[in-house]
Amino acid sequence: MSIGTRGNQFSIIYATEGVKAACDWAYNGVREGSVLGDDYFLSRLPIVNLRLAEGGVRLAVTLNRIFHDKIPDSAPMLWENSGLADAM
């Protein structure tokens, strides 16, 4: 399977995760026309932070696939010194 085909499969997975997160968290309990206050935004902040971290890791993996021949052996690994390994 080519990287392009795998990339399309991952795109579908990521989009499905995004829709699920939107339905489960972003729009949960929200009525059309309602004004969203600080409580709403603060209650969703942990999910937003998680989704941003996931996106950053996925971007890093994609860039590593694209530029894998151009990365010197002395470059640090993705998880080294990032704190992400402990957070996951």
PDB file of N, CA and C in Angstrom:
ATOM      1  N   MET A   1       0.847  -1.171   0.000  1.00  0.00           N
ATOM      2  CA  MET A   1       0.000   0.000   0.000  1.00  0.00           C
ATOM      3  C   MET A   1       0.894   1.235   0.000  1.00  0.00           C
ATOM      4  N   SER A   2       0.586   2.205  -0.815  1.00  0.00           N
ATOM      5  CA  SER A   2       1.406   3.410  -0.914  1.00  0.00           C
ATOM      6  C   SER A   2       1.105   4.354   0.242  1.00  0.00           C
ATOM      7  N   ILE A   3       2.015   5.293   0.474  1.00  0.00           N
ATOM      8  CA  ILE A   3       1.817   6.280   1.529  1.00  0.00           C
ATOM      9  C   ILE A   3       0.567   7.100   1.245  1.00  0.00           C
ATOM     10  N   GLY A   4       0.307   7.418  -0.026  1.00  0.00           N
ATOM     11  CA  GLY A   4      -0.882   8.186  -0.382  1.00  0.00           C
ATOM     12  C   GLY A   4      -2.164   7.484   0.008  1.00  0.00           C
ATOM     13  N   THR A   5      -2.235   6.175  -0.234  1.00  0.00           N
ATOM     14  CA  THR A   5      -3.427   5.405   0.121  1.00  0.00           C
ATOM     15  C   THR A   5      -3.588   5.353   1.633  1.00  0.00           C
ATOM     16  N   ARG A   6      -2.487   5.099   2.336  1.00  0.00           N
ATOM     17  CA  ARG A   6      -2.546   5.091   3.802  1.00  0.00           C
ATOM     18  C   ARG A   6      -2.956   6.456   4.326  1.00  0.00           C
ATOM     19  N   GLY A   7      -2.443   7.505   3.695  1.00  0.00           N
ATOM     20  CA  GLY A   7      -2.793   8.860   4.107  1.00  0.00           C
ATOM     21  C   GLY A   7      -4.278   9.119   3.985  1.00  0.00           C
ATOM     22  N   ASN A   8      -4.891   8.599   2.917  1.00  0.00           N
ATOM     23  CA  ASN A   8      -6.336   8.755   2.744  1.00  0.00           C
ATOM     24  C   ASN A   8      -7.092   8.016   3.836  1.00  0.00           C
ATOM     25  N   GLN A   9      -6.625   6.828   4.191  1.00  0.00           N
ATOM     26  CA  GLN A   9      -7.273   6.067   5.265  1.00  0.00           C
ATOM     27  C   GLN A   9      -7.154   6.810   6.587  1.00  0.00           C
ATOM     28  N   PHE A  10      -5.972   7.367   6.865  1.00  0.00           N
ATOM     29  CA  PHE A  10      -5.787   8.122   8.102  1.00  0.00           C
ATOM     30  C   PHE A  10      -6.654   9.363   8.110  1.00  0.00           C
ATOM     31  N   SER A  11      -6.802  10.018   6.969  1.00  0.00           N
ATOM     32  CA  SER A  11      -7.651  11.209   6.889  1.00  0.00           C
ATOM     33  C   SER A  11      -9.087  10.880   7.270  1.00  0.00           C
ATOM     34  N   ILE A  12      -9.571   9.744   6.816  1.00  0.00           N
ATOM     35  CA  ILE A  12     -10.931   9.319   7.152  1.00  0.00           C
ATOM     36  C   ILE A  12     -11.040   9.045   8.652  1.00  0.00           C
ATOM     37  N   ILE A  13     -10.041   8.388   9.212  1.00  0.00           N
ATOM     38  CA  ILE A  13     -10.039   8.106  10.650  1.00  0.00           C
ATOM     39  C   ILE A  13     -10.027   9.409  11.440  1.00  0.00           C
ATOM     40  N   TYR A  14      -9.145  10.344  11.061  1.00  0.00           N
ATOM     41  CA  TYR A  14      -9.041  11.612  11.787  1.00  0.00           C
ATOM     42  C   TYR A  14     -10.329  12.419  11.670  1.00  0.00           C
ATOM     43  N   ALA A  15     -10.930  12.438  10.496  1.00  0.00           N
ATOM     44  CA  ALA A  15     -12.187  13.168  10.305  1.00  0.00           C
ATOM     45  C   ALA A  15     -13.300  12.548  11.142  1.00  0.00           C
ATOM     46  N   THR A  16     -13.350  11.223  11.178  1.00  0.00           N
ATOM     47  CA  THR A  16     -14.362  10.536  11.984  1.00  0.00           C
ATOM     48  C   THR A  16     -14.177  10.857  13.460  1.00  0.00           C
ATOM     49  N   GLU A  17     -12.933  10.881  13.920  1.00  0.00           N
ATOM     50  CA  GLU A  17     -12.664  11.256  15.312  1.00  0.00           C
ATOM     51  C   GLU A  17     -13.128  12.680  15.588  1.00  0.00           C
ATOM     52  N   GLY A  18     -12.888  13.577  14.636  1.00  0.00           N
ATOM     53  CA  GLY A  18     -13.294  14.964  14.805  1.00  0.00           C
ATOM     54  C   GLY A  18     -14.800  15.119  14.896  1.00  0.00           C
ATOM     55  N   VAL A  19     -15.521  14.412  14.058  1.00  0.00           N
ATOM     56  CA  VAL A  19     -16.983  14.470  14.087  1.00  0.00           C
ATOM     57  C   VAL A  19     -17.498  13.903  15.411  1.00  0.00           C
ATOM     58  N   LYS A  20     -16.905  12.793  15.845  1.00  0.00           N
ATOM     59  CA  LYS A  20     -17.332  12.195  17.115  1.00  0.00           C
ATOM     60  C   LYS A  20     -17.065  13.149  18.278  1.00  0.00           C
ATOM     61  N   ALA A  21     -15.892  13.773  18.297  1.00  0.00           N
ATOM     62  CA  ALA A  21     -15.572  14.729  19.365  1.00  0.00           C
ATOM     63  C   ALA A  21     -16.535  15.911  19.326  1.00  0.00           C
ATOM     64  N   ALA A  22     -16.874  16.376  18.141  1.00  0.00           N
ATOM     65  CA  ALA A  22     -17.812  17.495  18.024  1.00  0.00           C
ATOM     66  C   ALA A  22     -19.180  17.115  18.577  1.00  0.00           C
ATOM     67  N   CYS A  23     -19.653  15.941  18.228  1.00  0.00           N
ATOM     68  CA  CYS A  23     -20.975  15.501  18.692  1.00  0.00           C
ATOM     69  C   CYS A  23     -20.979  15.202  20.186  1.00  0.00           C
ATOM     70  N   ASP A  24     -19.914  14.544  20.676  1.00  0.00           N
ATOM     71  CA  ASP A  24     -19.862  14.133  22.073  1.00  0.00           C
ATOM     72  C   ASP A  24     -19.543  15.294  23.021  1.00  0.00           C
ATOM     73  N   TRP A  25     -18.764  16.273  22.551  1.00  0.00           N
ATOM     74  CA  TRP A  25     -18.279  17.317  23.445  1.00  0.00           C
ATOM     75  C   TRP A  25     -18.682  18.725  23.004  1.00  0.00           C
ATOM     76  N   ALA A  26     -18.334  19.089  21.790  1.00  0.00           N
ATOM     77  CA  ALA A  26     -18.519  20.486  21.377  1.00  0.00           C
ATOM     78  C   ALA A  26     -19.982  20.894  21.346  1.00  0.00           C
ATOM     79  N   TYR A  27     -20.832  20.053  20.817  1.00  0.00           N
ATOM     80  CA  TYR A  27     -22.241  20.416  20.653  1.00  0.00           C
ATOM     81  C   TYR A  27     -23.151  19.787  21.706  1.00  0.00           C
ATOM     82  N   ASN A  28     -22.589  19.011  22.601  1.00  0.00           N
ATOM     83  CA  ASN A  28     -23.382  18.339  23.625  1.00  0.00           C
ATOM     84  C   ASN A  28     -24.023  19.368  24.561  1.00  0.00           C
ATOM     85  N   GLY A  29     -25.338  19.378  24.627  1.00  0.00           N
ATOM     86  CA  GLY A  29     -26.052  20.283  25.515  1.00  0.00           C
ATOM     87  C   GLY A  29     -26.226  21.686  24.978  1.00  0.00           C
ATOM     88  N   VAL A  30     -25.821  21.920  23.724  1.00  0.00           N
ATOM     89  CA  VAL A  30     -25.944  23.250  23.129  1.00  0.00           C
ATOM     90  C   VAL A  30     -27.207  23.306  22.279  1.00  0.00           C
ATOM     91  N   ARG A  31     -27.966  24.347  22.485  1.00  0.00           N
ATOM     92  CA  ARG A  31     -29.193  24.548  21.708  1.00  0.00           C
ATOM     93  C   ARG A  31     -28.949  25.620  20.648  1.00  0.00           C
ATOM     94  N   GLU A  32     -29.598  25.473  19.536  1.00  0.00           N
ATOM     95  CA  GLU A  32     -29.479  26.459  18.454  1.00  0.00           C
ATOM     96  C   GLU A  32     -29.862  27.842  18.978  1.00  0.00           C
ATOM     97  N   GLY A  33     -29.016  28.825  18.685  1.00  0.00           N
ATOM     98  CA  GLY A  33     -29.278  30.195  19.089  1.00  0.00           C
ATOM     99  C   GLY A  33     -28.832  30.542  20.498  1.00  0.00           C
ATOM    100  N   SER A  34     -28.302  29.565  21.235  1.00  0.00           N
ATOM    101  CA  SER A  34     -27.877  29.855  22.607  1.00  0.00           C
ATOM    102  C   SER A  34     -26.557  30.627  22.604  1.00  0.00           C
ATOM    103  N   VAL A  35     -26.329  31.393  23.657  1.00  0.00           N
ATOM    104  CA  VAL A  35     -25.087  32.134  23.832  1.00  0.00           C
ATOM    105  C   VAL A  35     -24.190  31.307  24.759  1.00  0.00           C
ATOM    106  N   LEU A  36     -22.992  31.035  24.291  1.00  0.00           N
ATOM    107  CA  LEU A  36     -22.080  30.174  25.047  1.00  0.00           C
ATOM    108  C   LEU A  36     -21.170  31.020  25.912  1.00  0.00           C
ATOM    109  N   GLY A  37     -21.147  30.710  27.202  1.00  0.00           N
ATOM    110  CA  GLY A  37     -20.360  31.484  28.151  1.00  0.00           C
ATOM    111  C   GLY A  37     -19.043  30.815  28.502  1.00  0.00           C
ATOM    112  N   ASP A  38     -18.387  31.393  29.495  1.00  0.00           N
ATOM    113  CA  ASP A  38     -17.082  30.890  29.931  1.00  0.00           C
ATOM    114  C   ASP A  38     -17.149  29.450  30.414  1.00  0.00           C
ATOM    115  N   ASP A  39     -18.219  29.077  31.102  1.00  0.00           N
ATOM    116  CA  ASP A  39     -18.344  27.700  31.597  1.00  0.00           C
ATOM    117  C   ASP A  39     -18.282  26.704  30.450  1.00  0.00           C
ATOM    118  N   TYR A  40     -18.948  27.040  29.352  1.00  0.00           N
ATOM    119  CA  TYR A  40     -18.921  26.169  28.178  1.00  0.00           C
ATOM    120  C   TYR A  40     -17.494  26.014  27.669  1.00  0.00           C
ATOM    121  N   PHE A  41     -16.817  27.124  27.451  1.00  0.00           N
ATOM    122  CA  PHE A  41     -15.469  27.074  26.883  1.00  0.00           C
ATOM    123  C   PHE A  41     -14.491  26.385  27.827  1.00  0.00           C
ATOM    124  N   LEU A  42     -14.570  26.674  29.102  1.00  0.00           N
ATOM    125  CA  LEU A  42     -13.656  26.057  30.058  1.00  0.00           C
ATOM    126  C   LEU A  42     -13.893  24.564  30.200  1.00  0.00           C
ATOM    127  N   SER A  43     -15.138  24.133  30.066  1.00  0.00           N
ATOM    128  CA  SER A  43     -15.431  22.702  30.173  1.00  0.00           C
ATOM    129  C   SER A  43     -14.919  21.924  28.964  1.00  0.00           C
ATOM    130  N   ARG A  44     -14.747  22.597  27.844  1.00  0.00           N
ATOM    131  CA  ARG A  44     -14.274  21.932  26.625  1.00  0.00           C
ATOM    132  C   ARG A  44     -12.770  22.044  26.429  1.00  0.00           C
ATOM    133  N   LEU A  45     -12.120  22.900  27.208  1.00  0.00           N
ATOM    134  CA  LEU A  45     -10.695  23.167  27.023  1.00  0.00           C
ATOM    135  C   LEU A  45      -9.808  21.914  27.075  1.00  0.00           C
ATOM    136  N   PRO A  46     -10.019  20.976  28.010  1.00  0.00           N
ATOM    137  CA  PRO A  46      -9.169  19.773  28.007  1.00  0.00           C
ATOM    138  C   PRO A  46      -9.270  18.975  26.703  1.00  0.00           C
ATOM    139  N   ILE A  47     -10.464  18.899  26.125  1.00  0.00           N
ATOM    140  CA  ILE A  47     -10.635  18.174  24.861  1.00  0.00           C
ATOM    141  C   ILE A  47      -9.941  18.918  23.727  1.00  0.00           C
ATOM    142  N   VAL A  48     -10.064  20.232  23.715  1.00  0.00           N
ATOM    143  CA  VAL A  48      -9.393  21.038  22.691  1.00  0.00           C
ATOM    144  C   VAL A  48      -7.887  20.835  22.777  1.00  0.00           C
ATOM    145  N   ASN A  49      -7.338  20.880  23.992  1.00  0.00           N
ATOM    146  CA  ASN A  49      -5.894  20.677  24.165  1.00  0.00           C
ATOM    147  C   ASN A  49      -5.464  19.291  23.700  1.00  0.00           C
ATOM    148  N   LEU A  50      -6.246  18.279  24.022  1.00  0.00           N
ATOM    149  CA  LEU A  50      -5.928  16.922  23.583  1.00  0.00           C
ATOM    150  C   LEU A  50      -5.941  16.826  22.059  1.00  0.00           C
ATOM    151  N   ARG A  51      -6.979  17.377  21.428  1.00  0.00           N
ATOM    152  CA  ARG A  51      -7.083  17.309  19.962  1.00  0.00           C
ATOM    153  C   ARG A  51      -5.938  18.062  19.293  1.00  0.00           C
ATOM    154  N   LEU A  52      -5.514  19.196  19.866  1.00  0.00           N
ATOM    155  CA  LEU A  52      -4.369  19.928  19.320  1.00  0.00           C
ATOM    156  C   LEU A  52      -3.081  19.111  19.449  1.00  0.00           C
ATOM    157  N   ALA A  53      -2.894  18.468  20.594  1.00  0.00           N
ATOM    158  CA  ALA A  53      -1.701  17.624  20.783  1.00  0.00           C
ATOM    159  C   ALA A  53      -1.705  16.465  19.795  1.00  0.00           C
ATOM    160  N   GLU A  54      -2.864  15.825  19.617  1.00  0.00           N
ATOM    161  CA  GLU A  54      -2.960  14.715  18.652  1.00  0.00           C
ATOM    162  C   GLU A  54      -2.635  15.206  17.250  1.00  0.00           C
ATOM    163  N   GLY A  55      -3.145  16.372  16.898  1.00  0.00           N
ATOM    164  CA  GLY A  55      -2.861  16.926  15.568  1.00  0.00           C
ATOM    165  C   GLY A  55      -1.381  17.225  15.386  1.00  0.00           C
ATOM    166  N   GLY A  56      -0.738  17.736  16.438  1.00  0.00           N
ATOM    167  CA  GLY A  56       0.691  18.019  16.361  1.00  0.00           C
ATOM    168  C   GLY A  56       1.521  16.759  16.168  1.00  0.00           C
ATOM    169  N   VAL A  57       1.166  15.716  16.887  1.00  0.00           N
ATOM    170  CA  VAL A  57       1.887  14.443  16.743  1.00  0.00           C
ATOM    171  C   VAL A  57       1.661  13.871  15.348  1.00  0.00           C
ATOM    172  N   ARG A  58       0.434  13.930  14.864  1.00  0.00           N
ATOM    173  CA  ARG A  58       0.137  13.405  13.523  1.00  0.00           C
ATOM    174  C   ARG A  58       0.870  14.199  12.445  1.00  0.00           C
ATOM    175  N   LEU A  59       0.956  15.512  12.618  1.00  0.00           N
ATOM    176  CA  LEU A  59       1.711  16.327  11.678  1.00  0.00           C
ATOM    177  C   LEU A  59       3.182  15.948  11.709  1.00  0.00           C
ATOM    178  N   ALA A  60       3.730  15.754  12.907  1.00  0.00           N
ATOM    179  CA  ALA A  60       5.133  15.363  13.029  1.00  0.00           C
ATOM    180  C   ALA A  60       5.398  14.027  12.343  1.00  0.00           C
ATOM    181  N   VAL A  61       4.504  13.071  12.526  1.00  0.00           N
ATOM    182  CA  VAL A  61       4.666  11.764  11.881  1.00  0.00           C
ATOM    183  C   VAL A  61       4.630  11.916  10.363  1.00  0.00           C
ATOM    184  N   THR A  62       3.706  12.712   9.867  1.00  0.00           N
ATOM    185  CA  THR A  62       3.599  12.930   8.418  1.00  0.00           C
ATOM    186  C   THR A  62       4.866  13.580   7.878  1.00  0.00           C
ATOM    187  N   LEU A  63       5.351  14.604   8.554  1.00  0.00           N
ATOM    188  CA  LEU A  63       6.574  15.269   8.111  1.00  0.00           C
ATOM    189  C   LEU A  63       7.771  14.328   8.179  1.00  0.00           C
ATOM    190  N   ASN A  64       7.816  13.486   9.209  1.00  0.00           N
ATOM    191  CA  ASN A  64       8.898  12.501   9.301  1.00  0.00           C
ATOM    192  C   ASN A  64       8.843  11.515   8.137  1.00  0.00           C
ATOM    193  N   ARG A  65       7.645  11.122   7.729  1.00  0.00           N
ATOM    194  CA  ARG A  65       7.520  10.220   6.570  1.00  0.00           C
ATOM    195  C   ARG A  65       8.005  10.905   5.294  1.00  0.00           C
ATOM    196  N   ILE A  66       7.665  12.176   5.148  1.00  0.00           N
ATOM    197  CA  ILE A  66       8.046  12.913   3.945  1.00  0.00           C
ATOM    198  C   ILE A  66       9.550  13.137   3.892  1.00  0.00           C
ATOM    199  N   PHE A  67      10.124  13.516   5.019  1.00  0.00           N
ATOM    200  CA  PHE A  67      11.524  13.934   5.041  1.00  0.00           C
ATOM    201  C   PHE A  67      12.446  12.916   5.697  1.00  0.00           C
ATOM    202  N   HIS A  68      12.026  11.653   5.793  1.00  0.00           N
ATOM    203  CA  HIS A  68      12.801  10.668   6.548  1.00  0.00           C
ATOM    204  C   HIS A  68      14.227  10.506   6.045  1.00  0.00           C
ATOM    205  N   ASP A  69      14.478  10.659   4.758  1.00  0.00           N
ATOM    206  CA  ASP A  69      15.833  10.517   4.222  1.00  0.00           C
ATOM    207  C   ASP A  69      16.690  11.748   4.522  1.00  0.00           C
ATOM    208  N   LYS A  70      16.061  12.841   4.879  1.00  0.00           N
ATOM    209  CA  LYS A  70      16.779  14.088   5.092  1.00  0.00           C
ATOM    210  C   LYS A  70      17.063  14.383   6.563  1.00  0.00           C
ATOM    211  N   ILE A  71      16.580  13.509   7.467  1.00  0.00           N
ATOM    212  CA  ILE A  71      16.784  13.726   8.898  1.00  0.00           C
ATOM    213  C   ILE A  71      18.098  13.075   9.310  1.00  0.00           C
ATOM    214  N   PRO A  72      19.030  13.852   9.899  1.00  0.00           N
ATOM    215  CA  PRO A  72      20.305  13.253  10.320  1.00  0.00           C
ATOM    216  C   PRO A  72      20.099  12.270  11.471  1.00  0.00           C
ATOM    217  N   ASP A  73      20.977  11.284  11.566  1.00  0.00           N
ATOM    218  CA  ASP A  73      20.885  10.280  12.621  1.00  0.00           C
ATOM    219  C   ASP A  73      20.984  10.905  14.010  1.00  0.00           C
ATOM    220  N   SER A  74      21.604  12.072  14.107  1.00  0.00           N
ATOM    221  CA  SER A  74      21.782  12.710  15.407  1.00  0.00           C
ATOM    222  C   SER A  74      20.544  13.482  15.863  1.00  0.00           C
ATOM    223  N   ALA A  75      19.522  13.595  15.012  1.00  0.00           N
ATOM    224  CA  ALA A  75      18.313  14.323  15.384  1.00  0.00           C
ATOM    225  C   ALA A  75      17.580  13.573  16.489  1.00  0.00           C
ATOM    226  N   PRO A  76      16.994  14.304  17.473  1.00  0.00           N
ATOM    227  CA  PRO A  76      16.270  13.617  18.553  1.00  0.00           C
ATOM    228  C   PRO A  76      15.023  12.924  18.033  1.00  0.00           C
ATOM    229  N   MET A  77      14.634  11.871  18.704  1.00  0.00           N
ATOM    230  CA  MET A  77      13.421  11.156  18.337  1.00  0.00           C
ATOM    231  C   MET A  77      12.214  12.011  18.696  1.00  0.00           C
ATOM    232  N   LEU A  78      11.068  11.688  18.120  1.00  0.00           N
ATOM    233  CA  LEU A  78       9.849  12.466  18.300  1.00  0.00           C
ATOM    234  C   LEU A  78       9.498  12.658  19.771  1.00  0.00           C
ATOM    235  N   TRP A  79       9.652  11.596  20.593  1.00  0.00           N
ATOM    236  CA  TRP A  79       9.189  11.652  21.971  1.00  0.00           C
ATOM    237  C   TRP A  79      10.232  12.171  22.946  1.00  0.00           C
ATOM    238  N   GLU A  80      11.493  12.244  22.547  1.00  0.00           N
ATOM    239  CA  GLU A  80      12.546  12.637  23.472  1.00  0.00           C
ATOM    240  C   GLU A  80      12.362  14.081  23.928  1.00  0.00           C
ATOM    241  N   ASN A  81      12.429  14.274  25.224  1.00  0.00           N
ATOM    242  CA  ASN A  81      12.384  15.610  25.835  1.00  0.00           C
ATOM    243  C   ASN A  81      11.125  16.393  25.549  1.00  0.00           C
ATOM    244  N   SER A  82      10.083  15.760  25.031  1.00  0.00           N
ATOM    245  CA  SER A  82       8.861  16.490  24.715  1.00  0.00           C
ATOM    246  C   SER A  82       7.857  16.453  25.857  1.00  0.00           C
ATOM    247  N   GLY A  83       7.975  15.459  26.741  1.00  0.00           N
ATOM    248  CA  GLY A  83       7.007  15.294  27.808  1.00  0.00           C
ATOM    249  C   GLY A  83       5.753  14.553  27.352  1.00  0.00           C
ATOM    250  N   LEU A  84       5.602  14.346  26.039  1.00  0.00           N
ATOM    251  CA  LEU A  84       4.403  13.687  25.532  1.00  0.00           C
ATOM    252  C   LEU A  84       4.351  12.216  25.922  1.00  0.00           C
ATOM    253  N   ALA A  85       5.500  11.573  25.998  1.00  0.00           N
ATOM    254  CA  ALA A  85       5.507  10.147  26.350  1.00  0.00           C
ATOM    255  C   ALA A  85       4.924   9.941  27.738  1.00  0.00           C
ATOM    256  N   ASP A  86       5.213  10.863  28.663  1.00  0.00           N
ATOM    257  CA  ASP A  86       4.676  10.752  30.018  1.00  0.00           C
ATOM    258  C   ASP A  86       3.196  11.088  30.067  1.00  0.00           C
ATOM    259  N   ALA A  87       2.760  11.977  29.174  1.00  0.00           N
ATOM    260  CA  ALA A  87       1.360  12.418  29.173  1.00  0.00           C
ATOM    261  C   ALA A  87       0.420  11.380  28.581  1.00  0.00           C
ATOM    262  N   MET A  88       0.930  10.497  27.749  1.00  0.00           N
ATOM    263  CA  MET A  88       0.077   9.548  27.035  1.00  0.00           C
ATOM    264  C   MET A  88      -0.151   8.311  27.844  1.00  0.00           C
TER     265      MET A  88
END
